[in-house]
N, C-alpha and C. Protein backbone atom coordinates (compact mmCIF):
# COMPACT_ATOMS: atom_id res chain seq x y z
N MET A 1 1.08 -1.06 -0.06
CA MET A 1 -0.15 -0.05 -0.17
C MET A 1 0.66 1.12 -0.23
N THR A 2 0.84 2.12 -1.04
CA THR A 2 1.55 3.53 -1.10
C THR A 2 0.97 4.17 0.56
N ALA A 3 2.30 4.59 0.72
CA ALA A 3 2.54 5.72 1.93
C ALA A 3 1.72 7.02 1.77
N ILE A 4 1.16 7.48 2.10
CA ILE A 4 0.59 9.16 2.13
C ILE A 4 1.18 9.88 2.83
N ARG A 5 1.91 10.74 1.98
CA ARG A 5 2.73 11.96 2.77
C ARG A 5 2.02 13.10 2.57
N GLN A 6 2.57 13.75 3.90
CA GLN A 6 1.96 14.83 4.45
C GLN A 6 2.69 16.18 4.25
N ASP A 7 4.05 15.95 3.75
CA ASP A 7 4.89 17.07 3.70
C ASP A 7 4.33 17.79 2.64
N ALA A 8 5.14 19.22 2.47
CA ALA A 8 4.89 20.31 1.61
C ALA A 8 5.19 19.88 -0.03
N TRP A 9 4.16 20.35 -0.59
CA TRP A 9 4.61 20.18 -2.15
C TRP A 9 6.06 20.61 -2.44
N SER A 10 6.42 19.84 -3.74
CA SER A 10 7.96 20.50 -4.22
C SER A 10 7.45 21.02 -5.24
N GLU A 11 8.63 21.63 -6.13
CA GLU A 11 8.17 21.87 -7.70
C GLU A 11 8.07 20.76 -8.47
N GLU A 12 8.82 19.63 -8.21
CA GLU A 12 8.63 18.66 -9.15
C GLU A 12 7.20 17.90 -8.92
N ASP A 13 6.61 17.32 -8.24
CA ASP A 13 5.40 17.31 -7.59
C ASP A 13 4.30 18.06 -8.08
N ASP A 14 4.61 19.09 -8.29
CA ASP A 14 3.63 20.45 -9.33
C ASP A 14 3.57 19.87 -10.57
N LEU A 15 4.94 19.92 -11.02
CA LEU A 15 4.93 19.42 -12.23
C LEU A 15 4.38 18.06 -13.03
N ILE A 16 4.66 17.26 -12.13
CA ILE A 16 3.99 15.40 -12.02
C ILE A 16 2.36 15.97 -12.32
N LEU A 17 1.92 16.65 -11.50
CA LEU A 17 0.61 16.76 -11.43
C LEU A 17 0.04 17.63 -12.65
N ALA A 18 1.00 18.78 -13.11
CA ALA A 18 0.41 19.60 -14.44
C ALA A 18 0.30 18.49 -15.56
N GLU A 19 1.58 17.65 -15.76
CA GLU A 19 1.75 17.00 -16.71
C GLU A 19 0.53 16.05 -16.79
N VAL A 20 0.25 15.44 -16.17
CA VAL A 20 -0.63 14.13 -16.42
C VAL A 20 -1.95 14.86 -16.31
N THR A 21 -2.45 15.47 -15.33
CA THR A 21 -3.91 16.55 -15.65
C THR A 21 -4.09 16.78 -17.37
N LEU A 22 -3.11 17.62 -17.70
CA LEU A 22 -2.99 18.03 -18.92
C LEU A 22 -2.98 16.82 -20.32
N ARG A 23 -2.33 15.72 -19.79
CA ARG A 23 -2.77 14.69 -20.84
C ARG A 23 -4.16 14.06 -20.80
N HIS A 24 -4.47 14.17 -19.45
CA HIS A 24 -5.88 13.34 -19.28
C HIS A 24 -7.00 14.59 -20.04
N ILE A 25 -6.93 15.48 -20.04
CA ILE A 25 -7.56 16.54 -20.27
C ILE A 25 -7.49 16.35 -22.23
N ARG A 26 -6.29 16.40 -22.31
CA ARG A 26 -6.33 15.77 -23.95
C ARG A 26 -6.80 14.94 -24.59
N GLU A 27 -6.48 13.85 -23.69
CA GLU A 27 -7.35 12.60 -24.09
C GLU A 27 -8.71 12.42 -23.85
N GLY A 28 -9.14 13.64 -23.45
CA GLY A 28 -11.01 13.22 -22.96
C GLY A 28 -11.12 12.67 -21.83
N SER A 29 -9.99 12.00 -20.89
CA SER A 29 -10.19 11.44 -19.85
C SER A 29 -11.14 12.48 -18.61
N THR A 30 -11.27 12.09 -17.41
CA THR A 30 -11.72 12.98 -16.58
C THR A 30 -10.15 13.56 -15.57
N GLN A 31 -10.35 14.69 -14.82
CA GLN A 31 -9.46 15.31 -13.88
C GLN A 31 -9.28 14.35 -12.76
N LEU A 32 -10.25 13.49 -12.43
CA LEU A 32 -10.65 12.81 -11.18
C LEU A 32 -9.43 11.40 -11.35
N ALA A 33 -9.74 10.90 -12.48
CA ALA A 33 -8.71 10.06 -13.07
C ALA A 33 -7.06 10.17 -13.19
N ALA A 34 -7.15 11.78 -13.62
CA ALA A 34 -5.56 12.27 -13.09
C ALA A 34 -5.07 12.31 -11.94
N PHE A 35 -6.23 12.57 -11.14
CA PHE A 35 -5.47 13.19 -9.67
C PHE A 35 -5.38 11.77 -9.29
N GLU A 36 -5.82 10.71 -9.52
CA GLU A 36 -5.44 9.07 -9.14
C GLU A 36 -4.43 8.50 -9.46
N GLU A 37 -3.98 8.98 -10.67
CA GLU A 37 -2.93 8.52 -11.13
C GLU A 37 -1.70 9.37 -10.74
N VAL A 38 -1.81 10.51 -10.34
CA VAL A 38 -0.83 11.25 -9.91
C VAL A 38 -0.32 10.95 -8.36
N GLY A 39 -1.63 10.53 -7.87
CA GLY A 39 -1.52 10.38 -6.16
C GLY A 39 -0.61 9.09 -6.21
N GLU A 40 -1.12 7.77 -7.37
CA GLU A 40 0.03 6.83 -7.32
C GLU A 40 1.03 7.06 -7.11
N LYS A 41 1.94 8.20 -8.10
CA LYS A 41 3.05 8.40 -8.83
C LYS A 41 4.01 8.84 -7.29
N ILE A 42 3.23 9.82 -6.70
CA ILE A 42 3.85 10.81 -5.67
C ILE A 42 3.22 10.54 -4.60
N GLY A 43 2.78 9.33 -4.06
CA GLY A 43 2.07 8.88 -2.82
C GLY A 43 1.14 10.12 -2.15
N ARG A 44 0.39 10.58 -2.73
CA ARG A 44 -0.56 11.08 -2.06
C ARG A 44 -2.00 10.94 -2.36
N THR A 45 -3.03 11.24 -1.32
CA THR A 45 -4.63 11.01 -1.91
C THR A 45 -4.74 11.69 -2.89
N SER A 46 -6.01 11.12 -3.85
CA SER A 46 -6.72 11.96 -5.07
C SER A 46 -7.36 13.21 -4.61
N ALA A 47 -7.57 13.16 -3.42
CA ALA A 47 -8.62 14.49 -3.05
C ALA A 47 -7.33 15.63 -2.71
N ALA A 48 -6.35 15.34 -2.35
CA ALA A 48 -4.82 16.41 -2.03
C ALA A 48 -4.51 17.04 -3.14
N CYS A 49 -4.25 15.85 -4.32
CA CYS A 49 -3.76 16.26 -5.56
C CYS A 49 -5.03 17.09 -6.43
N GLY A 50 -6.11 17.05 -6.14
CA GLY A 50 -6.90 17.83 -6.72
C GLY A 50 -7.17 18.87 -6.24
N PHE A 51 -6.96 19.12 -4.90
CA PHE A 51 -6.91 20.63 -3.78
C PHE A 51 -5.77 21.34 -4.30
N ARG A 52 -4.95 20.87 -4.73
CA ARG A 52 -3.53 21.38 -4.95
C ARG A 52 -3.95 21.98 -6.57
N TRP A 53 -4.13 21.18 -7.33
CA TRP A 53 -4.60 21.22 -9.05
C TRP A 53 -5.28 22.72 -8.77
N ASN A 54 -6.16 22.80 -7.89
CA ASN A 54 -7.70 23.76 -7.96
C ASN A 54 -6.86 24.87 -7.52
N SER A 55 -6.56 24.97 -6.17
CA SER A 55 -5.90 26.20 -5.53
C SER A 55 -4.92 27.00 -5.85
N CYS A 56 -3.48 26.00 -6.21
CA CYS A 56 -2.44 26.46 -6.65
C CYS A 56 -2.14 26.36 -8.18
N VAL A 57 -2.26 24.89 -8.57
CA VAL A 57 -1.33 24.99 -9.98
C VAL A 57 -1.89 25.28 -11.22
N ARG A 58 -3.44 25.32 -10.98
CA ARG A 58 -4.05 25.32 -12.28
C ARG A 58 -3.93 26.75 -12.83
N LYS A 59 -3.58 27.93 -12.46
CA LYS A 59 -3.61 29.14 -12.52
C LYS A 59 -2.34 29.34 -13.38
N SER A 60 -1.49 28.58 -13.08
CA SER A 60 -0.21 28.70 -13.79
C SER A 60 -0.29 28.04 -15.30
N TYR A 61 -1.09 27.28 -15.63
CA TYR A 61 -1.35 26.52 -16.77
C TYR A 61 -2.68 26.75 -17.67
N GLU A 62 -3.05 27.79 -17.43
CA GLU A 62 -4.33 28.47 -18.06
C GLU A 62 -4.35 28.17 -19.60
N GLU A 63 -3.18 28.56 -20.26
CA GLU A 63 -3.22 28.62 -21.38
C GLU A 63 -2.76 27.21 -21.96
N ALA A 64 -2.11 26.46 -21.34
CA ALA A 64 -2.12 24.91 -21.37
C ALA A 64 -3.47 23.97 -21.59
N ILE A 65 -4.22 24.58 -20.64
CA ILE A 65 -5.48 23.52 -20.57
C ILE A 65 -6.30 24.33 -21.78
N ALA A 66 -6.27 25.40 -22.05
CA ALA A 66 -6.95 25.65 -23.63
C ALA A 66 -6.58 25.26 -24.79
N ILE A 67 -5.42 24.96 -24.64
CA ILE A 67 -4.75 24.16 -25.74
C ILE A 67 -5.01 22.58 -26.02
N ALA A 68 -4.89 22.04 -24.45
CA ALA A 68 -5.67 20.72 -23.98
C ALA A 68 -7.09 20.17 -24.51
N LYS A 69 -7.66 21.42 -24.11
CA LYS A 69 -9.40 20.99 -24.56
C LYS A 69 -9.55 21.30 -26.13
N GLY A 70 -8.72 22.51 -26.91
CA GLY A 70 -8.84 22.35 -28.00
C GLY A 70 -8.34 21.14 -28.67
N GLN A 71 -7.43 20.09 -28.09
CA GLN A 71 -6.88 19.02 -28.86
C GLN A 71 -8.03 17.97 -28.57
N ARG A 72 -8.80 18.38 -27.22
CA ARG A 72 -9.87 17.05 -27.28
C ARG A 72 -10.85 17.26 -28.40
N GLN A 73 -11.05 18.57 -28.52
CA GLN A 73 -12.31 18.22 -29.28
C GLN A 73 -11.98 18.16 -30.89
N LYS A 74 -10.66 18.49 -31.34
CA LYS A 74 -10.16 17.84 -32.66
C LYS A 74 -10.09 16.46 -32.63
N ARG A 75 -9.77 15.81 -31.62
CA ARG A 75 -9.56 14.40 -31.53
C ARG A 75 -11.00 13.87 -31.54
N SER A 76 -12.20 14.09 -30.69
CA SER A 76 -13.15 13.76 -31.02
C SER A 76 -13.78 14.19 -32.39
N TYR A 77 -13.81 15.25 -32.96
CA TYR A 77 -13.99 15.73 -34.14
C TYR A 77 -13.48 14.22 -35.43
N LEU A 78 -12.39 14.43 -34.95
CA LEU A 78 -12.26 13.68 -36.13
C LEU A 78 -12.53 12.03 -35.89
N LYS A 79 -12.53 11.50 -34.89
CA LYS A 79 -13.32 10.68 -34.15
C LYS A 79 -14.55 10.09 -34.84
N LYS A 80 -15.54 11.20 -34.76
CA LYS A 80 -16.63 10.77 -34.96
C LYS A 80 -16.86 11.00 -36.80
N GLN A 81 -15.87 12.11 -37.39
CA GLN A 81 -15.86 11.72 -39.00
C GLN A 81 -15.38 10.67 -39.08
N THR A 82 -14.62 9.79 -38.80
CA THR A 82 -14.08 8.40 -39.21
C THR A 82 -15.27 7.80 -39.31
N LEU A 83 -15.93 7.89 -37.91
CA LEU A 83 -16.95 6.58 -37.54
C LEU A 83 -18.15 6.94 -38.58
N SER A 84 -18.29 8.11 -38.91
CA SER A 84 -19.39 8.52 -39.98
C SER A 84 -19.01 8.17 -41.36
N ARG A 85 -17.93 8.30 -41.36
CA ARG A 85 -17.36 7.76 -43.19
C ARG A 85 -17.64 6.23 -43.14
N GLY A 86 -16.97 5.45 -41.96
CA GLY A 86 -17.21 4.14 -41.97
C GLY A 86 -18.69 3.70 -42.40
N ALA A 87 -19.33 4.13 -41.49
CA ALA A 87 -21.02 3.69 -41.52
C ALA A 87 -21.53 3.72 -43.02
N GLN A 88 -21.08 4.99 -43.63
CA GLN A 88 -21.10 5.09 -44.90
C GLN A 88 -21.20 4.36 -46.01
N VAL A 89 -19.35 3.73 -45.38
CA VAL A 89 -18.95 2.64 -46.76
C VAL A 89 -19.89 1.30 -46.39
N ALA A 90 -20.16 1.28 -45.08
CA ALA A 90 -20.90 0.29 -45.01
C ALA A 90 -22.01 0.06 -45.57
N GLY A 91 -22.99 1.27 -45.38
CA GLY A 91 -23.92 1.71 -45.97
C GLY A 91 -24.17 1.48 -47.54
N PHE A 92 -23.12 1.62 -48.25
CA PHE A 92 -22.55 1.41 -49.31
C PHE A 92 -22.47 -0.43 -49.89
N ILE A 93 -21.67 -0.54 -49.14
CA ILE A 93 -21.37 -2.03 -49.67
C ILE A 93 -22.41 -2.99 -49.38
N ILE A 94 -23.25 -2.68 -47.81
CA ILE A 94 -24.27 -3.56 -47.57
C ILE A 94 -25.38 -3.20 -48.64
N GLY A 95 -26.11 -3.68 -49.64
CA GLY A 95 -27.38 -3.09 -50.31
C GLY A 95 -28.21 -4.06 -50.10
N ASP A 96 -29.51 -3.57 -50.37
CA ASP A 96 -30.74 -4.39 -50.51
C ASP A 96 -31.32 -4.92 -51.67
N GLY A 97 -30.35 -5.25 -52.76
CA GLY A 97 -30.95 -5.64 -53.74
C GLY A 97 -31.43 -4.39 -54.99
N GLU A 98 -32.55 -4.86 -55.82
CA GLU A 98 -32.75 -3.56 -56.68
C GLU A 98 -33.69 -2.96 -56.01
N ASP A 99 -33.11 -1.65 -56.08
CA ASP A 99 -34.49 -0.33 -55.99
C ASP A 99 -34.96 0.40 -57.10
N ASP A 100 -34.67 1.77 -56.72
CA ASP A 100 -35.41 2.79 -57.77
C ASP A 100 -34.12 2.98 -59.09
N TYR A 101 -33.13 2.59 -58.94
CA TYR A 101 -32.27 2.96 -59.61
C TYR A 101 -32.39 1.87 -60.90
N GLY A 102 -32.90 0.88 -60.82
CA GLY A 102 -33.09 0.25 -62.10
C GLY A 102 -32.66 -1.49 -61.57
N SER A 103 -31.92 -1.95 -62.86
CA SER A 103 -31.30 -3.28 -62.47
C SER A 103 -30.50 -3.42 -61.37
N GLU A 104 -30.19 -4.85 -61.37
CA GLU A 104 -29.05 -4.92 -60.11
C GLU A 104 -27.78 -4.55 -60.40
N GLU A 105 -27.34 -5.06 -61.85
CA GLU A 105 -26.43 -4.61 -62.53
C GLU A 105 -26.11 -3.09 -62.45
N ALA A 106 -27.38 -2.14 -62.68
CA ALA A 106 -27.00 -0.85 -62.63
C ALA A 106 -26.75 -0.38 -61.43
N GLN A 107 -27.23 -1.11 -60.07
CA GLN A 107 -27.49 -0.55 -58.54
C GLN A 107 -25.96 -0.91 -58.57
N ASN A 108 -25.56 -2.16 -58.66
CA ASN A 108 -23.82 -2.60 -58.47
C ASN A 108 -22.78 -1.33 -58.96
N SER A 109 -22.97 -1.06 -60.20
CA SER A 109 -22.06 0.00 -60.79
C SER A 109 -22.57 1.03 -59.94
N LEU A 110 -23.66 1.50 -59.83
CA LEU A 110 -23.72 2.82 -59.15
C LEU A 110 -23.07 3.13 -57.69
N SER A 111 -22.94 1.55 -56.91
CA SER A 111 -22.95 1.52 -55.79
C SER A 111 -21.00 1.40 -55.64
N ILE A 112 -20.37 0.84 -56.86
CA ILE A 112 -19.02 0.81 -56.67
C ILE A 112 -18.49 2.53 -57.07
N ASP A 113 -19.01 2.89 -57.87
CA ASP A 113 -19.01 4.54 -58.47
C ASP A 113 -18.86 5.21 -57.12
N ALA A 114 -20.23 4.84 -56.07
CA ALA A 114 -20.24 5.62 -54.85
C ALA A 114 -18.87 5.36 -53.98
N VAL A 115 -18.79 4.27 -53.88
CA VAL A 115 -17.45 3.72 -52.92
C VAL A 115 -16.65 4.44 -53.42
N ILE A 116 -16.26 4.62 -54.92
CA ILE A 116 -15.14 5.20 -55.03
C ILE A 116 -15.03 6.42 -55.04
N ARG A 117 -16.12 7.48 -54.97
CA ARG A 117 -16.14 8.81 -54.61
C ARG A 117 -15.72 8.78 -53.22
N PHE A 118 -16.22 7.97 -52.40
CA PHE A 118 -16.24 8.23 -50.75
C PHE A 118 -14.86 7.98 -50.42
N LEU A 119 -14.21 6.74 -50.94
CA LEU A 119 -12.83 6.46 -50.74
C LEU A 119 -11.81 7.73 -51.21
N ARG A 120 -12.05 8.15 -52.25
CA ARG A 120 -11.60 9.59 -52.46
C ARG A 120 -11.64 10.51 -51.69
N GLN A 121 -13.29 10.81 -51.35
CA GLN A 121 -13.19 11.82 -50.44
C GLN A 121 -12.58 11.53 -49.10
N TRP A 122 -12.81 10.36 -48.80
CA TRP A 122 -12.36 9.77 -47.51
C TRP A 122 -10.51 9.88 -47.44
N LYS A 123 -9.80 9.78 -48.30
CA LYS A 123 -8.52 9.97 -48.61
C LYS A 123 -8.58 11.06 -48.20
N GLY A 124 -8.63 12.26 -48.80
CA GLY A 124 -8.63 13.41 -48.64
C GLY A 124 -8.61 14.22 -46.97
N THR A 125 -9.89 13.59 -46.10
CA THR A 125 -10.17 13.75 -45.18
C THR A 125 -9.00 13.22 -44.12
N TYR A 126 -8.58 12.24 -44.51
CA TYR A 126 -7.64 11.23 -43.65
C TYR A 126 -6.36 11.85 -43.62
N GLN A 127 -6.05 12.94 -45.33
CA GLN A 127 -4.75 13.49 -44.90
C GLN A 127 -4.99 14.64 -44.43
N GLU A 128 -6.05 15.17 -44.56
CA GLU A 128 -6.31 16.36 -43.68
C GLU A 128 -6.26 16.22 -42.32
N ALA A 129 -6.76 15.07 -41.63
CA ALA A 129 -6.46 15.09 -40.50
C ALA A 129 -5.26 14.20 -39.90
N GLY A 130 -4.42 13.99 -40.68
CA GLY A 130 -3.23 13.87 -40.32
C GLY A 130 -2.23 14.96 -40.57
N ARG A 131 -2.63 15.85 -41.21
CA ARG A 131 -1.93 17.35 -41.43
C ARG A 131 -2.20 17.98 -40.01
N GLN A 132 -3.63 17.80 -39.62
CA GLN A 132 -4.00 18.44 -38.27
C GLN A 132 -3.14 18.01 -36.80
N LEU A 133 -3.28 16.67 -37.29
CA LEU A 133 -2.62 16.11 -35.95
C LEU A 133 -1.01 16.08 -35.81
N LYS A 134 -0.43 16.56 -36.92
CA LYS A 134 1.04 16.85 -37.18
C LYS A 134 1.07 18.35 -36.42
N MET A 135 0.15 19.04 -36.65
CA MET A 135 0.53 20.49 -36.37
C MET A 135 0.05 20.47 -34.50
N LEU A 136 -0.95 19.72 -34.12
CA LEU A 136 -1.14 19.22 -32.52
C LEU A 136 0.20 18.87 -32.06
N GLU A 137 0.76 18.28 -32.59
CA GLU A 137 2.09 17.13 -32.12
C GLU A 137 3.11 18.12 -31.76
N ARG A 138 2.95 19.04 -33.31
CA ARG A 138 4.18 19.95 -33.14
C ARG A 138 4.07 21.16 -31.67
N ASP A 139 2.50 21.59 -31.74
CA ASP A 139 2.25 22.49 -30.86
C ASP A 139 2.57 21.98 -29.70
N LEU A 140 2.08 20.68 -29.51
CA LEU A 140 2.48 20.05 -28.18
C LEU A 140 4.20 19.90 -28.05
N ARG A 141 4.90 19.66 -28.80
CA ARG A 141 5.79 19.91 -28.77
C ARG A 141 6.93 21.14 -28.21
N ASP A 142 6.56 22.29 -28.89
CA ASP A 142 6.62 23.21 -28.52
C ASP A 142 6.15 24.05 -27.29
N LYS A 143 5.18 23.68 -26.64
CA LYS A 143 4.58 23.73 -25.27
C LYS A 143 5.53 22.87 -24.30
N GLU A 144 5.86 21.77 -24.70
CA GLU A 144 7.06 21.14 -23.83
C GLU A 144 8.22 21.73 -24.01
N GLU A 145 8.66 22.21 -24.93
CA GLU A 145 9.96 22.99 -25.01
C GLU A 145 9.86 24.18 -23.90
N GLU A 146 8.53 24.90 -24.43
CA GLU A 146 8.48 26.20 -23.34
C GLU A 146 8.42 25.96 -22.06
N LEU A 147 7.94 24.64 -21.79
CA LEU A 147 7.79 24.43 -20.17
C LEU A 147 8.91 24.08 -19.78
N ALA A 148 9.73 22.95 -20.60
CA ALA A 148 11.06 23.05 -20.16
C ALA A 148 11.70 24.07 -20.09
N GLU A 149 12.31 24.99 -20.67
CA GLU A 149 12.62 26.17 -20.60
C GLU A 149 11.93 27.33 -19.21
N LEU A 150 10.98 27.05 -18.92
CA LEU A 150 10.79 28.04 -17.91
C LEU A 150 11.01 27.24 -16.59
N ARG A 151 11.35 26.24 -16.69
CA ARG A 151 11.66 25.02 -15.25
C ARG A 151 13.07 25.64 -15.39
N ALA A 152 13.83 25.81 -16.27
CA ALA A 152 15.44 25.83 -16.61
C ALA A 152 15.39 27.19 -15.90
N GLU A 153 14.57 28.54 -16.18
CA GLU A 153 14.63 29.53 -16.03
C GLU A 153 14.25 29.83 -14.45
N ASN A 154 13.34 29.09 -14.08
CA ASN A 154 12.93 28.90 -12.45
C ASN A 154 13.81 28.59 -11.56
N GLU A 155 14.81 27.34 -12.05
CA GLU A 155 15.73 26.68 -11.10
C GLU A 155 16.86 27.92 -11.28
N ARG A 156 17.06 28.53 -12.09
CA ARG A 156 18.38 29.39 -12.77
C ARG A 156 18.02 30.68 -11.50
N LEU A 157 16.86 31.33 -11.75
CA LEU A 157 16.27 32.35 -11.08
C LEU A 157 16.41 32.27 -9.57
N SER A 158 16.30 30.61 -8.84
CA SER A 158 16.24 30.44 -7.56
C SER A 158 17.43 30.28 -7.13
N LYS A 159 18.20 29.90 -7.72
CA LYS A 159 19.50 29.95 -7.42
C LYS A 159 20.33 31.27 -7.18
N GLU A 160 19.52 32.33 -8.10
CA GLU A 160 20.37 33.66 -7.64
C GLU A 160 20.08 34.21 -6.85
N VAL A 161 18.68 33.82 -6.60
CA VAL A 161 17.83 34.60 -5.04
C VAL A 161 18.37 33.99 -4.07
N ASN A 162 19.33 32.76 -3.75
CA ASN A 162 19.82 32.04 -2.51
C ASN A 162 21.30 32.76 -2.59
N THR A 163 21.73 32.91 -3.63
CA THR A 163 23.44 33.51 -3.62
C THR A 163 23.09 34.65 -3.22
N ALA A 164 21.83 35.68 -3.93
CA ALA A 164 21.88 37.06 -3.25
C ALA A 164 21.58 37.08 -1.81
N GLN A 165 20.98 36.68 -1.33
CA GLN A 165 20.34 36.01 0.02
C GLN A 165 21.62 35.99 1.01
N SER A 166 22.71 35.10 0.59
CA SER A 166 23.82 34.91 1.11
C SER A 166 24.90 35.79 1.31
N ASP A 167 24.67 36.63 -0.01
CA ASP A 167 25.83 37.81 -0.28
C ASP A 167 25.27 38.51 1.04
N TYR A 168 23.89 38.70 0.87
CA TYR A 168 23.34 40.03 1.63
C TYR A 168 23.80 39.71 3.33
N ARG A 169 23.71 38.25 3.58
CA ARG A 169 24.13 38.02 5.02
C ARG A 169 25.53 38.21 5.34
N VAL A 170 26.57 38.32 4.27
CA VAL A 170 27.57 38.50 4.51
C VAL A 170 28.31 39.98 4.71
N VAL A 171 27.55 40.85 3.62
CA VAL A 171 27.37 42.50 3.89
C VAL A 171 26.76 42.60 5.32
N ASN A 172 25.61 42.38 5.33
CA ASN A 172 25.39 42.56 6.66
C ASN A 172 26.17 42.24 8.17
N ASP A 173 26.54 41.24 7.91
CA ASP A 173 27.33 40.71 9.16
C ASP A 173 28.92 41.83 9.37
N ASP A 174 29.42 41.88 8.11
CA ASP A 174 30.28 43.07 7.87
C ASP A 174 30.16 44.29 8.44
N TYR A 175 28.80 44.87 7.82
CA TYR A 175 28.59 46.05 8.23
C TYR A 175 28.26 46.23 9.73
N LYS A 176 27.74 45.29 10.44
CA LYS A 176 27.58 45.09 11.92
C LYS A 176 29.23 45.48 12.54
N ALA A 177 29.91 44.12 11.84
CA ALA A 177 31.59 44.26 12.43
C ALA A 177 31.91 45.71 12.31
N LEU A 178 32.13 46.57 11.30
CA LEU A 178 32.54 47.55 11.10
C LEU A 178 31.66 49.07 12.00
N ILE A 179 30.36 48.64 12.51
CA ILE A 179 29.91 49.56 13.31
C ILE A 179 30.31 49.47 14.81
N GLN A 180 30.68 48.16 15.07
CA GLN A 180 31.58 47.95 16.06
C GLN A 180 32.75 48.24 16.42
N ILE A 181 33.31 48.28 15.44
CA ILE A 181 34.96 48.63 15.56
C ILE A 181 34.79 50.38 15.28
N MET A 182 34.19 50.92 14.89
CA MET A 182 33.62 52.44 15.03
C MET A 182 33.58 52.56 16.22
N ASP A 183 32.67 52.23 17.08
CA ASP A 183 32.03 52.64 18.34
C ASP A 183 32.97 52.48 19.36
N ARG A 184 33.80 51.31 18.86
CA ARG A 184 35.07 51.20 19.83
C ARG A 184 36.24 52.31 20.00
N ALA A 185 36.42 52.63 18.59
CA ALA A 185 37.29 53.27 18.41
C ALA A 185 36.88 54.88 18.68
N ARG A 186 35.78 55.09 18.63
CA ARG A 186 35.27 56.34 19.09
C ARG A 186 35.21 56.57 20.77
N ARG A 187 34.86 55.18 21.45
CA ARG A 187 35.07 55.20 23.07
C ARG A 187 36.55 55.70 23.41
N LEU A 188 37.21 54.86 22.65
CA LEU A 188 38.93 54.96 23.21
C LEU A 188 39.22 56.49 22.60
N ALA A 189 38.82 57.15 21.81
CA ALA A 189 39.52 58.27 21.44
C ALA A 189 38.67 59.38 22.64
N PHE A 190 37.17 58.78 22.86
CA PHE A 190 37.01 59.84 24.00
C PHE A 190 37.80 59.63 25.18
N LEU A 191 38.16 58.54 26.14
CA LEU A 191 39.00 58.38 26.85
C LEU A 191 40.37 58.89 26.81
N SER A 192 40.81 58.91 25.51
CA SER A 192 42.40 59.07 25.57
C SER A 192 42.44 60.82 25.75
N GLU A 193 41.13 61.38 25.17
CA GLU A 193 40.90 62.85 25.30
C GLU A 193 40.84 63.33 27.01
N GLU A 194 40.06 62.44 27.65
CA GLU A 194 39.62 62.98 28.47
C GLU A 194 41.37 63.00 29.76
N GLU A 195 42.06 61.64 29.38
CA GLU A 195 43.12 61.47 30.35
C GLU A 195 44.01 62.83 29.64
N GLU A 196 44.00 63.08 28.18
CA GLU A 196 45.01 64.28 28.19
C GLU A 196 44.55 65.49 29.11
N GLU A 197 43.29 65.87 29.06
CA GLU A 197 42.88 66.73 29.54
C GLU A 197 43.27 66.69 30.98
N ILE A 198 42.97 65.73 31.70
CA ILE A 198 43.78 65.50 33.00
C ILE A 198 45.21 65.55 33.34
N LYS A 199 45.79 65.16 32.23
CA LYS A 199 47.27 65.72 32.30
C LYS A 199 47.72 67.09 32.52
N ASN A 200 46.73 67.73 31.54
CA ASN A 200 46.96 69.27 31.67
C ASN A 200 46.29 69.82 32.52
N ARG A 201 45.94 69.39 33.47
CA ARG A 201 45.16 70.38 34.74
C ARG A 201 45.98 69.97 36.08
N PHE A 202 47.06 69.42 35.70
CA PHE A 202 47.62 68.77 37.28
C PHE A 202 49.11 68.62 36.87
N LYS A 203 50.01 68.95 37.81
CA LYS A 203 51.15 68.65 37.81
C LYS A 203 51.68 67.98 38.69
N MET A 204 53.16 67.43 39.02
CA MET A 204 53.76 67.10 39.96
C MET A 204 54.51 67.87 40.70
N ASP A 205 54.83 68.20 41.89
CA ASP A 205 55.81 68.79 42.66
C ASP A 205 56.82 68.23 42.86
N ALA A 206 58.03 68.40 43.50
CA ALA A 206 59.35 67.77 44.12
C ALA A 206 59.28 66.35 44.80
N ASN A 207 58.10 66.69 45.50
CA ASN A 207 57.73 65.53 46.49
C ASN A 207 56.73 64.52 46.04
N GLY A 208 56.37 64.75 44.71
CA GLY A 208 55.87 63.65 44.06
C GLY A 208 54.22 63.77 43.99
N ASN A 209 53.77 64.88 44.85
CA ASN A 209 52.35 65.41 44.73
C ASN A 209 52.03 66.19 43.64
N LEU A 210 50.37 65.75 43.19
CA LEU A 210 49.91 66.55 42.34
C LEU A 210 49.52 68.06 42.54
N GLU A 211 49.52 68.61 41.83
CA GLU A 211 49.05 70.10 42.17
C GLU A 211 48.36 70.37 40.85
N ARG A 212 47.23 71.03 41.25
CA ARG A 212 46.21 71.72 40.16
C ARG A 212 46.93 73.04 39.56
N ILE A 213 46.52 72.57 38.08
CA ILE A 213 47.28 74.09 37.57
C ILE A 213 45.88 74.99 37.43
N GLU A 214 46.04 76.13 37.83
CA GLU A 214 44.85 77.03 37.57
C GLU A 214 45.25 77.76 36.36
């Protein structure tokens, strides 16, 4: 049984959640199925995955979600077109014998001509569907490359932030040390001035006693 995690979500967890959910949207599956798959992968409940997606991750992938939904609609449309064309072919091939078109020979000739026309049309439709599918695949690759670039940029910026924070702490510590040194020097200078002033007020007589100088 997979252990249920309670720790904070990492960037990798969010990325897995986004990739799996977008794939399910493209393929016409449900988000619940996506959350269950993600939960199995990262050791969390599907409810936790769903909450994370809706509350935090989804807003960063609005454009990708729109593209995935468009791909799903095109896939559904192409599938329906293929099924419809197949049904038409079946209707042409499976005849009921003679009808209003005349003799059986004429009917067979008409059916063959219709099948040929249909096959030519279907070939054009299939080629167009292939072109659209290639375009979708190319768009998907572009988005995946863009996502990888954004991940790399995010990692680079995170490292720069960490470096800047470390540099700030070092500079801040040096500044505090400098302030302490300057304060100590100021106090020493003040004490030296007092000692010099005391020396100028008094002098020592022949017997070693201090006399005030007026």
